[in-house]
Amino acid sequence: MTRHEREERKAAALSYKQGYYAPVVVARGKGVMAEAIIACAREAGVYVHESPELVKLLMQVDTDQFIPPELFRAVAEVLVWLYRMEAAVEAE
C-alpha cells in the first residue's frame, strides 16, 4: 500500500447497545487513524466489513452520535452480514 493510499483509507466504527434506538458512531478517521481503527477491531476479534460507500456516509456523522435514519437500512445489511459471519464461526 502506498503512502497516498494509506492517507486516503477511511474507517468508521459503530456500537449498538440494548436500549439504543440506533447504532452510534464510536470512532472515525482516515489515513493512520483509519488503520488504527481497523487494527484495534481485528485485535479485539471484531469482523471488519469494507464498504467505501457506507464509510463515506458514516464519516459525515459526528463521533458519539446515532446514525441518521437514512443509514438504517445500509447498517442493517452490514449487521446481517456480521451475524452470519459469527454464526458460521460458531458452527465450525
PDB file of N, CA and C in Angstrom:
ATOM      1  N   MET A   1       0.847  -1.175   0.000  1.00  0.00           N
ATOM      2  CA  MET A   1       0.000   0.000   0.000  1.00  0.00           C
ATOM      3  C   MET A   1       0.894   1.240   0.000  1.00  0.00           C
ATOM      4  N   THR A   2       0.632   2.150  -0.906  1.00  0.00           N
ATOM      5  CA  THR A   2       1.441   3.361  -0.981  1.00  0.00           C
ATOM      6  C   THR A   2       1.023   4.338   0.114  1.00  0.00           C
ATOM      7  N   ARG A   3       1.874   5.301   0.354  1.00  0.00           N
ATOM      8  CA  ARG A   3       1.573   6.317   1.366  1.00  0.00           C
ATOM      9  C   ARG A   3       0.267   7.035   1.020  1.00  0.00           C
ATOM     10  N   HIS A   4       0.087   7.342  -0.248  1.00  0.00           N
ATOM     11  CA  HIS A   4      -1.130   8.046  -0.675  1.00  0.00           C
ATOM     12  C   HIS A   4      -2.374   7.206  -0.404  1.00  0.00           C
ATOM     13  N   GLU A   5      -2.300   5.906  -0.718  1.00  0.00           N
ATOM     14  CA  GLU A   5      -3.445   5.024  -0.471  1.00  0.00           C
ATOM     15  C   GLU A   5      -3.756   4.950   1.022  1.00  0.00           C
ATOM     16  N   ARG A   6      -2.722   4.890   1.859  1.00  0.00           N
ATOM     17  CA  ARG A   6      -2.936   4.829   3.303  1.00  0.00           C
ATOM     18  C   ARG A   6      -3.591   6.109   3.800  1.00  0.00           C
ATOM     19  N   GLU A   7      -3.161   7.253   3.280  1.00  0.00           N
ATOM     20  CA  GLU A   7      -3.747   8.526   3.692  1.00  0.00           C
ATOM     21  C   GLU A   7      -5.211   8.615   3.283  1.00  0.00           C
ATOM     22  N   GLU A   8      -5.563   7.996   2.190  1.00  0.00           N
ATOM     23  CA  GLU A   8      -6.925   8.080   1.686  1.00  0.00           C
ATOM     24  C   GLU A   8      -7.871   7.053   2.336  1.00  0.00           C
ATOM     25  N   ARG A   9      -7.319   6.021   2.963  1.00  0.00           N
ATOM     26  CA  ARG A   9      -8.158   4.997   3.569  1.00  0.00           C
ATOM     27  C   ARG A   9      -8.967   5.604   4.703  1.00  0.00           C
ATOM     28  N   LYS A  10     -10.231   5.217   4.771  1.00  0.00           N
ATOM     29  CA  LYS A  10     -11.124   5.742   5.798  1.00  0.00           C
ATOM     30  C   LYS A  10     -11.760   4.573   6.532  1.00  0.00           C
ATOM     31  N   ALA A  11     -12.111   4.817   7.795  1.00  0.00           N
ATOM     32  CA  ALA A  11     -12.764   3.782   8.593  1.00  0.00           C
ATOM     33  C   ALA A  11     -13.700   4.433   9.592  1.00  0.00           C
ATOM     34  N   ALA A  12     -14.747   3.702   9.913  1.00  0.00           N
ATOM     35  CA  ALA A  12     -15.692   4.133  10.946  1.00  0.00           C
ATOM     36  C   ALA A  12     -16.076   2.910  11.759  1.00  0.00           C
ATOM     37  N   ALA A  13     -16.260   3.109  13.041  1.00  0.00           N
ATOM     38  CA  ALA A  13     -16.654   2.020  13.931  1.00  0.00           C
ATOM     39  C   ALA A  13     -17.995   2.363  14.560  1.00  0.00           C
ATOM     40  N   LEU A  14     -18.856   1.347  14.636  1.00  0.00           N
ATOM     41  CA  LEU A  14     -20.189   1.522  15.211  1.00  0.00           C
ATOM     42  C   LEU A  14     -20.329   0.675  16.456  1.00  0.00           C
ATOM     43  N   SER A  15     -21.196   1.110  17.340  1.00  0.00           N
ATOM     44  CA  SER A  15     -21.539   0.340  18.527  1.00  0.00           C
ATOM     45  C   SER A  15     -23.050   0.386  18.683  1.00  0.00           C
ATOM     46  N   TYR A  16     -23.586  -0.727  19.123  1.00  0.00           N
ATOM     47  CA  TYR A  16     -25.037  -0.767  19.389  1.00  0.00           C
ATOM     48  C   TYR A  16     -25.244  -1.427  20.737  1.00  0.00           C
ATOM     49  N   LYS A  17     -26.000  -0.791  21.587  1.00  0.00           N
ATOM     50  CA  LYS A  17     -26.296  -1.337  22.901  1.00  0.00           C
ATOM     51  C   LYS A  17     -27.800  -1.468  23.056  1.00  0.00           C
ATOM     52  N   GLN A  18     -28.191  -2.480  23.806  1.00  0.00           N
ATOM     53  CA  GLN A  18     -29.619  -2.676  24.057  1.00  0.00           C
ATOM     54  C   GLN A  18     -30.197  -1.404  24.668  1.00  0.00           C
ATOM     55  N   GLY A  19     -31.323  -1.010  24.153  1.00  0.00           N
ATOM     56  CA  GLY A  19     -31.963   0.208  24.624  1.00  0.00           C
ATOM     57  C   GLY A  19     -31.728   1.397  23.715  1.00  0.00           C
ATOM     58  N   TYR A  20     -30.669   1.335  22.889  1.00  0.00           N
ATOM     59  CA  TYR A  20     -30.431   2.393  21.912  1.00  0.00           C
ATOM     60  C   TYR A  20     -31.421   2.223  20.774  1.00  0.00           C
ATOM     61  N   TYR A  21     -31.849   3.320  20.193  1.00  0.00           N
ATOM     62  CA  TYR A  21     -32.746   3.203  19.041  1.00  0.00           C
ATOM     63  C   TYR A  21     -31.979   3.021  17.736  1.00  0.00           C
ATOM     64  N   ALA A  22     -30.676   3.256  17.770  1.00  0.00           N
ATOM     65  CA  ALA A  22     -29.849   3.111  16.564  1.00  0.00           C
ATOM     66  C   ALA A  22     -28.392   2.939  16.981  1.00  0.00           C
ATOM     67  N   PRO A  23     -27.560   2.416  16.075  1.00  0.00           N
ATOM     68  CA  PRO A  23     -26.128   2.336  16.368  1.00  0.00           C
ATOM     69  C   PRO A  23     -25.514   3.733  16.488  1.00  0.00           C
ATOM     70  N   VAL A  24     -24.398   3.792  17.189  1.00  0.00           N
ATOM     71  CA  VAL A  24     -23.669   5.039  17.417  1.00  0.00           C
ATOM     72  C   VAL A  24     -22.303   4.937  16.745  1.00  0.00           C
ATOM     73  N   VAL A  25     -21.867   6.021  16.119  1.00  0.00           N
ATOM     74  CA  VAL A  25     -20.520   6.083  15.561  1.00  0.00           C
ATOM     75  C   VAL A  25     -19.576   6.335  16.745  1.00  0.00           C
ATOM     76  N   VAL A  26     -18.709   5.361  17.026  1.00  0.00           N
ATOM     77  CA  VAL A  26     -17.812   5.494  18.172  1.00  0.00           C
ATOM     78  C   VAL A  26     -16.391   5.876  17.771  1.00  0.00           C
ATOM     79  N   ALA A  27     -16.067   5.739  16.504  1.00  0.00           N
ATOM     80  CA  ALA A  27     -14.754   6.159  16.007  1.00  0.00           C
ATOM     81  C   ALA A  27     -14.848   6.364  14.510  1.00  0.00           C
ATOM     82  N   ARG A  28     -14.069   7.299  14.018  1.00  0.00           N
ATOM     83  CA  ARG A  28     -13.986   7.517  12.579  1.00  0.00           C
ATOM     84  C   ARG A  28     -12.682   8.237  12.295  1.00  0.00           C
ATOM     85  N   GLY A  29     -12.117   7.952  11.133  1.00  0.00           N
ATOM     86  CA  GLY A  29     -10.870   8.613  10.797  1.00  0.00           C
ATOM     87  C   GLY A  29     -10.378   8.189   9.428  1.00  0.00           C
ATOM     88  N   LYS A  30      -9.313   8.839   9.000  1.00  0.00           N
ATOM     89  CA  LYS A  30      -8.710   8.494   7.712  1.00  0.00           C
ATOM     90  C   LYS A  30      -7.208   8.379   7.886  1.00  0.00           C
ATOM     91  N   GLY A  31      -6.574   7.738   6.911  1.00  0.00           N
ATOM     92  CA  GLY A  31      -5.135   7.566   6.955  1.00  0.00           C
ATOM     93  C   GLY A  31      -4.698   6.694   8.119  1.00  0.00           C
ATOM     94  N   VAL A  32      -3.753   7.193   8.897  1.00  0.00           N
ATOM     95  CA  VAL A  32      -3.202   6.444  10.025  1.00  0.00           C
ATOM     96  C   VAL A  32      -4.296   6.135  11.049  1.00  0.00           C
ATOM     97  N   MET A  33      -5.205   7.065  11.268  1.00  0.00           N
ATOM     98  CA  MET A  33      -6.301   6.831  12.223  1.00  0.00           C
ATOM     99  C   MET A  33      -7.185   5.688  11.736  1.00  0.00           C
ATOM    100  N   ALA A  34      -7.473   5.634  10.452  1.00  0.00           N
ATOM    101  CA  ALA A  34      -8.273   4.539   9.903  1.00  0.00           C
ATOM    102  C   ALA A  34      -7.570   3.206  10.108  1.00  0.00           C
ATOM    103  N   GLU A  35      -6.274   3.179   9.852  1.00  0.00           N
ATOM    104  CA  GLU A  35      -5.503   1.950  10.061  1.00  0.00           C
ATOM    105  C   GLU A  35      -5.567   1.522  11.520  1.00  0.00           C
ATOM    106  N   ALA A  36      -5.492   2.476  12.446  1.00  0.00           N
ATOM    107  CA  ALA A  36      -5.554   2.159  13.876  1.00  0.00           C
ATOM    108  C   ALA A  36      -6.925   1.609  14.255  1.00  0.00           C
ATOM    109  N   ILE A  37      -7.983   2.192  13.708  1.00  0.00           N
ATOM    110  CA  ILE A  37      -9.337   1.706  13.984  1.00  0.00           C
ATOM    111  C   ILE A  37      -9.479   0.263  13.516  1.00  0.00           C
ATOM    112  N   ILE A  38      -9.007  -0.008  12.317  1.00  0.00           N
ATOM    113  CA  ILE A  38      -9.098  -1.357  11.740  1.00  0.00           C
ATOM    114  C   ILE A  38      -8.258  -2.336  12.557  1.00  0.00           C
ATOM    115  N   ALA A  39      -7.050  -1.933  12.926  1.00  0.00           N
ATOM    116  CA  ALA A  39      -6.170  -2.810  13.713  1.00  0.00           C
ATOM    117  C   ALA A  39      -6.786  -3.119  15.071  1.00  0.00           C
ATOM    118  N   CYS A  40      -7.354  -2.118  15.726  1.00  0.00           N
ATOM    119  CA  CYS A  40      -7.982  -2.341  17.035  1.00  0.00           C
ATOM    120  C   CYS A  40      -9.163  -3.300  16.911  1.00  0.00           C
ATOM    121  N   ALA A  41      -9.940  -3.133  15.870  1.00  0.00           N
ATOM    122  CA  ALA A  41     -11.085  -4.022  15.655  1.00  0.00           C
ATOM    123  C   ALA A  41     -10.614  -5.459  15.468  1.00  0.00           C
ATOM    124  N   ARG A  42      -9.637  -5.648  14.630  1.00  0.00           N
ATOM    125  CA  ARG A  42      -9.136  -7.005  14.373  1.00  0.00           C
ATOM    126  C   ARG A  42      -8.521  -7.621  15.624  1.00  0.00           C
ATOM    127  N   GLU A  43      -7.766  -6.827  16.388  1.00  0.00           N
ATOM    128  CA  GLU A  43      -7.178  -7.329  17.626  1.00  0.00           C
ATOM    129  C   GLU A  43      -8.251  -7.749  18.624  1.00  0.00           C
ATOM    130  N   ALA A  44      -9.382  -7.062  18.598  1.00  0.00           N
ATOM    131  CA  ALA A  44     -10.484  -7.366  19.514  1.00  0.00           C
ATOM    132  C   ALA A  44     -11.372  -8.493  18.985  1.00  0.00           C
ATOM    133  N   GLY A  45     -11.027  -9.014  17.800  1.00  0.00           N
ATOM    134  CA  GLY A  45     -11.822 -10.096  17.229  1.00  0.00           C
ATOM    135  C   GLY A  45     -13.099  -9.637  16.562  1.00  0.00           C
ATOM    136  N   VAL A  46     -13.159  -8.357  16.232  1.00  0.00           N
ATOM    137  CA  VAL A  46     -14.329  -7.794  15.567  1.00  0.00           C
ATOM    138  C   VAL A  46     -14.139  -7.936  14.061  1.00  0.00           C
ATOM    139  N   TYR A  47     -15.177  -8.400  13.379  1.00  0.00           N
ATOM    140  CA  TYR A  47     -15.108  -8.507  11.930  1.00  0.00           C
ATOM    141  C   TYR A  47     -15.069  -7.116  11.311  1.00  0.00           C
ATOM    142  N   VAL A  48     -14.274  -6.981  10.263  1.00  0.00           N
ATOM    143  CA  VAL A  48     -14.153  -5.706   9.555  1.00  0.00           C
ATOM    144  C   VAL A  48     -14.834  -5.862   8.204  1.00  0.00           C
ATOM    145  N   HIS A  49     -15.844  -5.051   7.976  1.00  0.00           N
ATOM    146  CA  HIS A  49     -16.590  -5.080   6.715  1.00  0.00           C
ATOM    147  C   HIS A  49     -16.161  -3.860   5.909  1.00  0.00           C
ATOM    148  N   GLU A  50     -15.726  -4.081   4.680  1.00  0.00           N
ATOM    149  CA  GLU A  50     -15.276  -2.975   3.858  1.00  0.00           C
ATOM    150  C   GLU A  50     -16.368  -2.533   2.894  1.00  0.00           C
ATOM    151  N   SER A  51     -16.827  -1.320   3.096  1.00  0.00           N
ATOM    152  CA  SER A  51     -17.835  -0.712   2.236  1.00  0.00           C
ATOM    153  C   SER A  51     -17.506   0.772   2.108  1.00  0.00           C
ATOM    154  N   PRO A  52     -16.709   1.133   1.101  1.00  0.00           N
ATOM    155  CA  PRO A  52     -16.304   2.536   0.960  1.00  0.00           C
ATOM    156  C   PRO A  52     -17.487   3.507   0.901  1.00  0.00           C
ATOM    157  N   GLU A  53     -18.571   3.086   0.282  1.00  0.00           N
ATOM    158  CA  GLU A  53     -19.729   3.971   0.174  1.00  0.00           C
ATOM    159  C   GLU A  53     -20.332   4.250   1.550  1.00  0.00           C
ATOM    160  N   LEU A  54     -20.471   3.204   2.362  1.00  0.00           N
ATOM    161  CA  LEU A  54     -21.046   3.376   3.693  1.00  0.00           C
ATOM    162  C   LEU A  54     -20.101   4.172   4.588  1.00  0.00           C
ATOM    163  N   VAL A  55     -18.816   3.885   4.508  1.00  0.00           N
ATOM    164  CA  VAL A  55     -17.844   4.626   5.322  1.00  0.00           C
ATOM    165  C   VAL A  55     -17.884   6.105   4.965  1.00  0.00           C
ATOM    166  N   LYS A  56     -17.995   6.410   3.689  1.00  0.00           N
ATOM    167  CA  LYS A  56     -18.072   7.814   3.261  1.00  0.00           C
ATOM    168  C   LYS A  56     -19.243   8.518   3.944  1.00  0.00           C
ATOM    169  N   LEU A  57     -20.370   7.847   4.035  1.00  0.00           N
ATOM    170  CA  LEU A  57     -21.549   8.433   4.695  1.00  0.00           C
ATOM    171  C   LEU A  57     -21.361   8.515   6.207  1.00  0.00           C
ATOM    172  N   LEU A  58     -20.762   7.471   6.801  1.00  0.00           N
ATOM    173  CA  LEU A  58     -20.548   7.474   8.250  1.00  0.00           C
ATOM    174  C   LEU A  58     -19.535   8.530   8.670  1.00  0.00           C
ATOM    175  N   MET A  59     -18.615   8.883   7.794  1.00  0.00           N
ATOM    176  CA  MET A  59     -17.634   9.920   8.104  1.00  0.00           C
ATOM    177  C   MET A  59     -18.305  11.283   8.317  1.00  0.00           C
ATOM    178  N   GLN A  60     -19.525  11.431   7.846  1.00  0.00           N
ATOM    179  CA  GLN A  60     -20.257  12.682   7.998  1.00  0.00           C
ATOM    180  C   GLN A  60     -21.008  12.761   9.326  1.00  0.00           C
ATOM    181  N   VAL A  61     -21.040  11.642  10.061  1.00  0.00           N
ATOM    182  CA  VAL A  61     -21.725  11.596  11.350  1.00  0.00           C
ATOM    183  C   VAL A  61     -20.702  11.874  12.446  1.00  0.00           C
ATOM    184  N   ASP A  62     -21.022  12.779  13.348  1.00  0.00           N
ATOM    185  CA  ASP A  62     -20.108  13.086  14.442  1.00  0.00           C
ATOM    186  C   ASP A  62     -19.926  11.875  15.349  1.00  0.00           C
ATOM    187  N   THR A  63     -18.754  11.766  15.939  1.00  0.00           N
ATOM    188  CA  THR A  63     -18.475  10.697  16.894  1.00  0.00           C
ATOM    189  C   THR A  63     -19.423  10.837  18.084  1.00  0.00           C
ATOM    190  N   ASP A  64     -19.843   9.709  18.613  1.00  0.00           N
ATOM    191  CA  ASP A  64     -20.782   9.615  19.739  1.00  0.00           C
ATOM    192  C   ASP A  64     -22.199  10.054  19.373  1.00  0.00           C
ATOM    193  N   GLN A  65     -22.516  10.013  18.083  1.00  0.00           N
ATOM    194  CA  GLN A  65     -23.868  10.345  17.623  1.00  0.00           C
ATOM    195  C   GLN A  65     -24.511   9.113  17.007  1.00  0.00           C
ATOM    196  N   PHE A  66     -25.840   9.027  17.132  1.00  0.00           N
ATOM    197  CA  PHE A  66     -26.581   7.953  16.480  1.00  0.00           C
ATOM    198  C   PHE A  66     -26.490   8.131  14.970  1.00  0.00           C
ATOM    199  N   ILE A  67     -26.500   7.004  14.247  1.00  0.00           N
ATOM    200  CA  ILE A  67     -26.529   7.119  12.793  1.00  0.00           C
ATOM    201  C   ILE A  67     -27.888   7.702  12.399  1.00  0.00           C
ATOM    202  N   PRO A  68     -27.956   8.438  11.311  1.00  0.00           N
ATOM    203  CA  PRO A  68     -29.232   9.009  10.889  1.00  0.00           C
ATOM    204  C   PRO A  68     -30.138   7.927  10.285  1.00  0.00           C
ATOM    205  N   PRO A  69     -31.442   8.156  10.319  1.00  0.00           N
ATOM    206  CA  PRO A  69     -32.385   7.173   9.768  1.00  0.00           C
ATOM    207  C   PRO A  69     -32.094   6.782   8.326  1.00  0.00           C
ATOM    208  N   GLU A  70     -31.504   7.672   7.548  1.00  0.00           N
ATOM    209  CA  GLU A  70     -31.192   7.371   6.147  1.00  0.00           C
ATOM    210  C   GLU A  70     -30.193   6.226   6.018  1.00  0.00           C
ATOM    211  N   LEU A  71     -29.431   5.950   7.078  1.00  0.00           N
ATOM    212  CA  LEU A  71     -28.424   4.887   7.028  1.00  0.00           C
ATOM    213  C   LEU A  71     -28.885   3.592   7.696  1.00  0.00           C
ATOM    214  N   PHE A  72     -30.097   3.573   8.259  1.00  0.00           N
ATOM    215  CA  PHE A  72     -30.579   2.385   8.964  1.00  0.00           C
ATOM    216  C   PHE A  72     -30.510   1.134   8.090  1.00  0.00           C
ATOM    217  N   ARG A  73     -31.007   1.212   6.871  1.00  0.00           N
ATOM    218  CA  ARG A  73     -31.049   0.031   6.011  1.00  0.00           C
ATOM    219  C   ARG A  73     -29.647  -0.481   5.677  1.00  0.00           C
ATOM    220  N   ALA A  74     -28.755   0.432   5.301  1.00  0.00           N
ATOM    221  CA  ALA A  74     -27.397   0.027   4.956  1.00  0.00           C
ATOM    222  C   ALA A  74     -26.685  -0.608   6.143  1.00  0.00           C
ATOM    223  N   VAL A  75     -26.847  -0.022   7.319  1.00  0.00           N
ATOM    224  CA  VAL A  75     -26.206  -0.581   8.512  1.00  0.00           C
ATOM    225  C   VAL A  75     -26.858  -1.906   8.881  1.00  0.00           C
ATOM    226  N   ALA A  76     -28.156  -2.016   8.709  1.00  0.00           N
ATOM    227  CA  ALA A  76     -28.841  -3.286   8.988  1.00  0.00           C
ATOM    228  C   ALA A  76     -28.292  -4.403   8.098  1.00  0.00           C
ATOM    229  N   GLU A  77     -28.011  -4.097   6.848  1.00  0.00           N
ATOM    230  CA  GLU A  77     -27.441  -5.097   5.942  1.00  0.00           C
ATOM    231  C   GLU A  77     -26.063  -5.545   6.418  1.00  0.00           C
ATOM    232  N   VAL A  78     -25.270  -4.625   6.940  1.00  0.00           N
ATOM    233  CA  VAL A  78     -23.954  -4.980   7.485  1.00  0.00           C
ATOM    234  C   VAL A  78     -24.135  -5.847   8.731  1.00  0.00           C
ATOM    235  N   LEU A  79     -25.107  -5.516   9.565  1.00  0.00           N
ATOM    236  CA  LEU A  79     -25.351  -6.319  10.769  1.00  0.00           C
ATOM    237  C   LEU A  79     -25.788  -7.736  10.416  1.00  0.00           C
ATOM    238  N   VAL A  80     -26.594  -7.889   9.382  1.00  0.00           N
ATOM    239  CA  VAL A  80     -26.986  -9.222   8.925  1.00  0.00           C
ATOM    240  C   VAL A  80     -25.746  -9.992   8.493  1.00  0.00           C
ATOM    241  N   TRP A  81     -24.856  -9.339   7.742  1.00  0.00           N
ATOM    242  CA  TRP A  81     -23.605  -9.964   7.325  1.00  0.00           C
ATOM    243  C   TRP A  81     -22.799 -10.401   8.554  1.00  0.00           C
ATOM    244  N   LEU A  82     -22.715  -9.508   9.545  1.00  0.00           N
ATOM    245  CA  LEU A  82     -21.959  -9.798  10.757  1.00  0.00           C
ATOM    246  C   LEU A  82     -22.538 -11.004  11.497  1.00  0.00           C
ATOM    247  N   TYR A  83     -23.850 -11.040  11.663  1.00  0.00           N
ATOM    248  CA  TYR A  83     -24.477 -12.162  12.364  1.00  0.00           C
ATOM    249  C   TYR A  83     -24.237 -13.471  11.618  1.00  0.00           C
ATOM    250  N   ARG A  84     -24.254 -13.427  10.302  1.00  0.00           N
ATOM    251  CA  ARG A  84     -23.987 -14.640   9.507  1.00  0.00           C
ATOM    252  C   ARG A  84     -22.542 -15.095   9.684  1.00  0.00           C
ATOM    253  N   MET A  85     -21.612 -14.141   9.711  1.00  0.00           N
ATOM    254  CA  MET A  85     -20.209 -14.481   9.927  1.00  0.00           C
ATOM    255  C   MET A  85     -20.021 -15.133  11.290  1.00  0.00           C
ATOM    256  N   GLU A  86     -20.625 -14.556  12.318  1.00  0.00           N
ATOM    257  CA  GLU A  86     -20.500 -15.098  13.664  1.00  0.00           C
ATOM    258  C   GLU A  86     -21.139 -16.489  13.752  1.00  0.00           C
ATOM    259  N   ALA A  87     -22.283 -16.677  13.099  1.00  0.00           N
ATOM    260  CA  ALA A  87     -22.954 -17.980  13.111  1.00  0.00           C
ATOM    261  C   ALA A  87     -22.107 -19.021  12.408  1.00  0.00           C
ATOM    262  N   ALA A  88     -21.443 -18.652  11.328  1.00  0.00           N
ATOM    263  CA  ALA A  88     -20.598 -19.595  10.602  1.00  0.00           C
ATOM    264  C   ALA A  88     -19.406 -20.026  11.447  1.00  0.00           C
ATOM    265  N   VAL A  89     -18.840 -19.115  12.184  1.00  0.00           N
ATOM    266  CA  VAL A  89     -17.703 -19.440  13.054  1.00  0.00           C
ATOM    267  C   VAL A  89     -18.164 -20.368  14.179  1.00  0.00           C
ATOM    268  N   GLU A  90     -19.312 -20.070  14.755  1.00  0.00           N
ATOM    269  CA  GLU A  90     -19.845 -20.909  15.846  1.00  0.00           C
ATOM    270  C   GLU A  90     -20.182 -22.314  15.368  1.00  0.00           C
ATOM    271  N   ALA A  91     -20.592 -22.445  14.110  1.00  0.00           N
ATOM    272  CA  ALA A  91     -20.982 -23.739  13.555  1.00  0.00           C
ATOM    273  C   ALA A  91     -19.770 -24.628  13.269  1.00  0.00           C
ATOM    274  N   GLU A  92     -18.587 -24.048  13.177  1.00  0.00           N
ATOM    275  CA  GLU A  92     -17.378 -24.827  12.853  1.00  0.00           C
ATOM    276  C   GLU A  92     -16.962 -25.716  13.984  1.00  0.00           C
TER     277      GLU A  92
END
